Amino acid sequence: MSEVVELTEDNFDEVVLRSQIPVLIDFWSPTCGPCRALVPILEELAHENGDLALIAKVNVFECTAIAGKYGVSMLPTILFFLNGTVAQRMVGVQSKDKLQEALDELED
């Protein structure tokens, strides 16, 4: 069983860009209501995907450089990485099924 990983400026490259499995990153803010609505969905995805995918989050207030590098201007923004590259982008609250479908496409 996996948990949602909190990314920082210090661990982003190691955890995301060097990952051998797909990575879903939720760019969020503690003051964002829709972001908070995604928390239980992301936790479920982390537990259900185990070692097949990494589910992570980036607090945009604490990691402004990362948010800027990936052009995050609306919250929540969800980026899917595969082999260190952004493979897909979603903006706004998404259903668990839609997020899982995107992960499944990357795992194939």
N, C-alpha and C. Protein backbone atom coordinates (compact mmCIF):
# COMPACT_ATOMS: atom_id res chain seq x y z
N MET A 1 0.84 -1.18 0.00
CA MET A 1 0.00 0.00 0.00
C MET A 1 0.88 1.24 0.00
N SER A 2 0.59 2.17 -0.89
CA SER A 2 1.35 3.41 -0.98
C SER A 2 0.56 4.57 -0.42
N GLU A 3 1.28 5.64 -0.17
CA GLU A 3 0.66 6.87 0.30
C GLU A 3 1.00 7.99 -0.66
N VAL A 4 0.25 9.09 -0.57
CA VAL A 4 0.53 10.27 -1.37
C VAL A 4 1.85 10.87 -0.88
N VAL A 5 2.75 11.15 -1.81
CA VAL A 5 4.08 11.67 -1.49
C VAL A 5 4.07 13.19 -1.60
N GLU A 6 4.57 13.86 -0.58
CA GLU A 6 4.70 15.32 -0.60
C GLU A 6 6.02 15.68 -1.27
N LEU A 7 5.93 16.38 -2.39
CA LEU A 7 7.12 16.78 -3.13
C LEU A 7 7.60 18.16 -2.69
N THR A 8 8.92 18.34 -2.75
CA THR A 8 9.54 19.61 -2.41
C THR A 8 10.55 19.97 -3.49
N GLU A 9 11.10 21.16 -3.38
CA GLU A 9 12.15 21.57 -4.31
C GLU A 9 13.35 20.60 -4.22
N ASP A 10 13.57 20.06 -3.03
CA ASP A 10 14.72 19.19 -2.80
C ASP A 10 14.56 17.78 -3.36
N ASN A 11 13.33 17.24 -3.36
CA ASN A 11 13.17 15.85 -3.78
C ASN A 11 12.48 15.68 -5.14
N PHE A 12 12.03 16.75 -5.75
CA PHE A 12 11.25 16.65 -7.00
C PHE A 12 11.99 15.89 -8.10
N ASP A 13 13.21 16.30 -8.40
CA ASP A 13 13.95 15.65 -9.49
C ASP A 13 14.15 14.16 -9.23
N GLU A 14 14.57 13.83 -8.03
CA GLU A 14 14.83 12.43 -7.70
C GLU A 14 13.55 11.59 -7.77
N VAL A 15 12.48 12.10 -7.18
CA VAL A 15 11.24 11.32 -7.08
C VAL A 15 10.49 11.28 -8.42
N VAL A 16 10.40 12.39 -9.10
CA VAL A 16 9.56 12.47 -10.30
C VAL A 16 10.33 12.22 -11.59
N LEU A 17 11.37 12.99 -11.81
CA LEU A 17 12.05 12.94 -13.09
C LEU A 17 12.83 11.64 -13.30
N ARG A 18 13.19 10.97 -12.23
CA ARG A 18 13.92 9.70 -12.34
C ARG A 18 13.04 8.48 -12.09
N SER A 19 11.75 8.70 -11.96
CA SER A 19 10.83 7.60 -11.66
C SER A 19 10.73 6.63 -12.84
N GLN A 20 10.70 5.36 -12.53
CA GLN A 20 10.54 4.31 -13.54
C GLN A 20 9.06 3.96 -13.76
N ILE A 21 8.18 4.56 -12.96
CA ILE A 21 6.74 4.31 -13.08
C ILE A 21 6.03 5.64 -13.32
N PRO A 22 4.79 5.61 -13.83
CA PRO A 22 4.04 6.85 -14.03
C PRO A 22 3.86 7.61 -12.71
N VAL A 23 3.84 8.93 -12.81
CA VAL A 23 3.67 9.79 -11.64
C VAL A 23 2.51 10.75 -11.89
N LEU A 24 1.57 10.79 -10.96
CA LEU A 24 0.48 11.78 -10.97
C LEU A 24 0.84 12.80 -9.91
N ILE A 25 0.89 14.08 -10.32
CA ILE A 25 1.19 15.15 -9.35
C ILE A 25 0.03 16.12 -9.29
N ASP A 26 -0.46 16.34 -8.09
CA ASP A 26 -1.50 17.32 -7.82
C ASP A 26 -0.84 18.60 -7.33
N PHE A 27 -0.94 19.67 -8.12
CA PHE A 27 -0.47 20.99 -7.68
C PHE A 27 -1.63 21.63 -6.94
N TRP A 28 -1.42 21.94 -5.67
CA TRP A 28 -2.51 22.37 -4.80
C TRP A 28 -2.07 23.48 -3.86
N SER A 29 -3.07 23.99 -3.13
CA SER A 29 -2.85 25.00 -2.10
C SER A 29 -3.76 24.67 -0.93
N PRO A 30 -3.31 24.89 0.30
CA PRO A 30 -4.17 24.62 1.45
C PRO A 30 -5.41 25.51 1.51
N THR A 31 -5.40 26.63 0.81
CA THR A 31 -6.55 27.54 0.82
C THR A 31 -7.53 27.27 -0.31
N CYS A 32 -7.27 26.25 -1.11
CA CYS A 32 -8.09 25.93 -2.29
C CYS A 32 -9.10 24.84 -1.93
N GLY A 33 -10.38 25.19 -1.91
CA GLY A 33 -11.44 24.22 -1.60
C GLY A 33 -11.47 23.04 -2.55
N PRO A 34 -11.45 23.27 -3.87
CA PRO A 34 -11.44 22.14 -4.80
C PRO A 34 -10.22 21.24 -4.60
N CYS A 35 -9.09 21.82 -4.21
CA CYS A 35 -7.89 21.02 -3.95
C CYS A 35 -8.13 20.07 -2.79
N ARG A 36 -8.78 20.57 -1.76
CA ARG A 36 -9.06 19.74 -0.59
C ARG A 36 -10.03 18.61 -0.94
N ALA A 37 -10.92 18.87 -1.90
CA ALA A 37 -11.87 17.84 -2.33
C ALA A 37 -11.16 16.67 -3.01
N LEU A 38 -9.99 16.92 -3.57
CA LEU A 38 -9.23 15.86 -4.25
C LEU A 38 -8.47 14.95 -3.29
N VAL A 39 -8.25 15.39 -2.06
CA VAL A 39 -7.42 14.64 -1.12
C VAL A 39 -7.86 13.18 -0.97
N PRO A 40 -9.13 12.90 -0.67
CA PRO A 40 -9.51 11.48 -0.51
C PRO A 40 -9.38 10.68 -1.79
N ILE A 41 -9.61 11.31 -2.93
CA ILE A 41 -9.47 10.62 -4.22
C ILE A 41 -8.01 10.23 -4.44
N LEU A 42 -7.10 11.16 -4.18
CA LEU A 42 -5.68 10.87 -4.36
C LEU A 42 -5.20 9.79 -3.40
N GLU A 43 -5.70 9.82 -2.17
CA GLU A 43 -5.32 8.79 -1.20
C GLU A 43 -5.78 7.41 -1.66
N GLU A 44 -7.01 7.34 -2.19
CA GLU A 44 -7.50 6.07 -2.71
C GLU A 44 -6.66 5.59 -3.88
N LEU A 45 -6.33 6.49 -4.80
CA LEU A 45 -5.51 6.11 -5.95
C LEU A 45 -4.14 5.61 -5.51
N ALA A 46 -3.55 6.27 -4.51
CA ALA A 46 -2.24 5.85 -4.02
C ALA A 46 -2.31 4.43 -3.46
N HIS A 47 -3.33 4.14 -2.67
CA HIS A 47 -3.46 2.81 -2.08
C HIS A 47 -3.75 1.75 -3.14
N GLU A 48 -4.61 2.09 -4.10
CA GLU A 48 -5.03 1.10 -5.10
C GLU A 48 -3.96 0.84 -6.16
N ASN A 49 -3.11 1.81 -6.46
CA ASN A 49 -2.10 1.63 -7.50
C ASN A 49 -0.81 1.03 -6.96
N GLY A 50 -0.60 1.11 -5.66
CA GLY A 50 0.58 0.51 -5.05
C GLY A 50 1.86 0.90 -5.76
N ASP A 51 2.60 -0.10 -6.25
CA ASP A 51 3.89 0.13 -6.89
C ASP A 51 3.77 0.39 -8.39
N LEU A 52 2.56 0.44 -8.93
CA LEU A 52 2.37 0.66 -10.37
C LEU A 52 2.44 2.12 -10.77
N ALA A 53 2.15 3.02 -9.83
CA ALA A 53 2.18 4.45 -10.11
C ALA A 53 2.44 5.20 -8.80
N LEU A 54 3.04 6.37 -8.93
CA LEU A 54 3.30 7.22 -7.78
C LEU A 54 2.31 8.36 -7.79
N ILE A 55 1.65 8.58 -6.67
CA ILE A 55 0.71 9.69 -6.51
C ILE A 55 1.38 10.69 -5.58
N ALA A 56 1.48 11.94 -6.04
CA ALA A 56 2.21 12.95 -5.27
C ALA A 56 1.49 14.28 -5.33
N LYS A 57 1.95 15.21 -4.48
CA LYS A 57 1.37 16.54 -4.48
C LYS A 57 2.46 17.57 -4.26
N VAL A 58 2.21 18.76 -4.81
CA VAL A 58 3.12 19.90 -4.68
C VAL A 58 2.31 21.08 -4.16
N ASN A 59 2.71 21.60 -3.01
CA ASN A 59 2.10 22.81 -2.47
C ASN A 59 2.69 23.99 -3.24
N VAL A 60 1.87 24.69 -4.02
CA VAL A 60 2.38 25.75 -4.89
C VAL A 60 2.92 26.95 -4.11
N PHE A 61 2.49 27.13 -2.87
CA PHE A 61 3.02 28.23 -2.06
C PHE A 61 4.42 27.92 -1.55
N GLU A 62 4.71 26.65 -1.33
CA GLU A 62 6.02 26.24 -0.82
C GLU A 62 7.01 25.93 -1.95
N CYS A 63 6.50 25.61 -3.13
CA CYS A 63 7.35 25.20 -4.26
C CYS A 63 7.04 26.04 -5.49
N THR A 64 7.23 27.34 -5.36
CA THR A 64 6.88 28.25 -6.45
C THR A 64 7.71 28.01 -7.70
N ALA A 65 8.96 27.59 -7.55
CA ALA A 65 9.81 27.35 -8.72
C ALA A 65 9.28 26.18 -9.54
N ILE A 66 8.84 25.12 -8.88
CA ILE A 66 8.31 23.96 -9.60
C ILE A 66 7.02 24.33 -10.31
N ALA A 67 6.14 25.03 -9.59
CA ALA A 67 4.87 25.44 -10.20
C ALA A 67 5.12 26.33 -11.41
N GLY A 68 6.06 27.25 -11.28
CA GLY A 68 6.40 28.13 -12.40
C GLY A 68 7.00 27.38 -13.58
N LYS A 69 7.87 26.44 -13.29
CA LYS A 69 8.53 25.66 -14.35
C LYS A 69 7.52 24.91 -15.21
N TYR A 70 6.45 24.44 -14.58
CA TYR A 70 5.45 23.66 -15.31
C TYR A 70 4.19 24.46 -15.66
N GLY A 71 4.28 25.78 -15.53
CA GLY A 71 3.19 26.65 -15.97
C GLY A 71 1.89 26.47 -15.23
N VAL A 72 1.97 26.16 -13.95
CA VAL A 72 0.76 25.98 -13.15
C VAL A 72 0.24 27.34 -12.73
N SER A 73 -0.95 27.68 -13.24
CA SER A 73 -1.54 28.97 -12.90
C SER A 73 -2.94 28.83 -12.32
N MET A 74 -3.53 27.66 -12.45
CA MET A 74 -4.86 27.40 -11.89
C MET A 74 -4.76 26.18 -10.98
N LEU A 75 -5.60 26.18 -9.94
CA LEU A 75 -5.59 25.06 -9.00
C LEU A 75 -6.95 24.41 -8.92
N PRO A 76 -6.98 23.12 -8.72
CA PRO A 76 -5.84 22.21 -8.81
C PRO A 76 -5.45 21.94 -10.27
N THR A 77 -4.17 21.76 -10.48
CA THR A 77 -3.64 21.29 -11.76
C THR A 77 -3.00 19.94 -11.50
N ILE A 78 -3.31 18.99 -12.37
CA ILE A 78 -2.77 17.64 -12.22
C ILE A 78 -1.92 17.34 -13.45
N LEU A 79 -0.66 17.00 -13.19
CA LEU A 79 0.25 16.63 -14.27
C LEU A 79 0.59 15.15 -14.13
N PHE A 80 0.62 14.48 -15.26
CA PHE A 80 1.02 13.08 -15.32
C PHE A 80 2.38 13.01 -15.99
N PHE A 81 3.34 12.42 -15.31
CA PHE A 81 4.69 12.29 -15.83
C PHE A 81 4.96 10.83 -16.21
N LEU A 82 5.68 10.65 -17.30
CA LEU A 82 6.17 9.34 -17.69
C LEU A 82 7.60 9.52 -18.19
N ASN A 83 8.53 8.80 -17.59
CA ASN A 83 9.95 8.91 -17.95
C ASN A 83 10.47 10.34 -17.86
N GLY A 84 10.03 11.07 -16.83
CA GLY A 84 10.53 12.42 -16.58
C GLY A 84 9.92 13.50 -17.43
N THR A 85 8.90 13.16 -18.23
CA THR A 85 8.28 14.13 -19.13
C THR A 85 6.79 14.23 -18.84
N VAL A 86 6.24 15.44 -18.96
CA VAL A 86 4.79 15.60 -18.79
C VAL A 86 4.08 14.92 -19.94
N ALA A 87 3.23 13.96 -19.60
CA ALA A 87 2.49 13.20 -20.61
C ALA A 87 1.06 13.69 -20.77
N GLN A 88 0.52 14.29 -19.70
CA GLN A 88 -0.87 14.78 -19.74
C GLN A 88 -1.06 15.81 -18.65
N ARG A 89 -2.01 16.74 -18.89
CA ARG A 89 -2.34 17.80 -17.94
C ARG A 89 -3.85 17.88 -17.80
N MET A 90 -4.31 18.04 -16.57
CA MET A 90 -5.73 18.26 -16.29
C MET A 90 -5.83 19.43 -15.33
N VAL A 91 -6.86 20.23 -15.48
CA VAL A 91 -7.09 21.36 -14.59
C VAL A 91 -8.47 21.21 -13.97
N GLY A 92 -8.54 21.43 -12.67
CA GLY A 92 -9.80 21.33 -11.95
C GLY A 92 -9.97 19.96 -11.31
N VAL A 93 -11.01 19.84 -10.51
CA VAL A 93 -11.28 18.58 -9.82
C VAL A 93 -11.68 17.54 -10.87
N GLN A 94 -11.08 16.38 -10.77
CA GLN A 94 -11.36 15.28 -11.69
C GLN A 94 -11.90 14.09 -10.90
N SER A 95 -12.66 13.25 -11.56
CA SER A 95 -13.18 12.06 -10.90
C SER A 95 -12.06 11.04 -10.73
N LYS A 96 -12.25 10.17 -9.77
CA LYS A 96 -11.28 9.11 -9.54
C LYS A 96 -11.13 8.26 -10.80
N ASP A 97 -12.25 7.95 -11.46
CA ASP A 97 -12.21 7.12 -12.66
C ASP A 97 -11.40 7.78 -13.77
N LYS A 98 -11.56 9.08 -13.95
CA LYS A 98 -10.83 9.78 -15.01
C LYS A 98 -9.33 9.78 -14.72
N LEU A 99 -8.96 10.00 -13.47
CA LEU A 99 -7.55 9.98 -13.08
C LEU A 99 -6.95 8.59 -13.25
N GLN A 100 -7.72 7.57 -12.85
CA GLN A 100 -7.23 6.20 -12.99
C GLN A 100 -7.07 5.83 -14.46
N GLU A 101 -8.00 6.26 -15.29
CA GLU A 101 -7.91 5.99 -16.73
C GLU A 101 -6.63 6.58 -17.32
N ALA A 102 -6.30 7.80 -16.92
CA ALA A 102 -5.08 8.44 -17.40
C ALA A 102 -3.85 7.67 -16.94
N LEU A 103 -3.85 7.22 -15.70
CA LEU A 103 -2.73 6.42 -15.18
C LEU A 103 -2.61 5.10 -15.95
N ASP A 104 -3.75 4.47 -16.19
CA ASP A 104 -3.74 3.19 -16.90
C ASP A 104 -3.15 3.32 -18.30
N GLU A 105 -3.45 4.43 -18.96
CA GLU A 105 -2.91 4.67 -20.29
C GLU A 105 -1.38 4.77 -20.27
N LEU A 106 -0.86 5.35 -19.20
CA LEU A 106 0.59 5.49 -19.07
C LEU A 106 1.28 4.19 -18.70
N GLU A 107 0.56 3.31 -18.02
CA GLU A 107 1.14 2.05 -17.56
C GLU A 107 1.25 1.04 -18.69
N ASP A 108 0.48 1.22 -19.75
CA ASP A 108 0.49 0.25 -20.86
C ASP A 108 1.78 0.31 -21.65
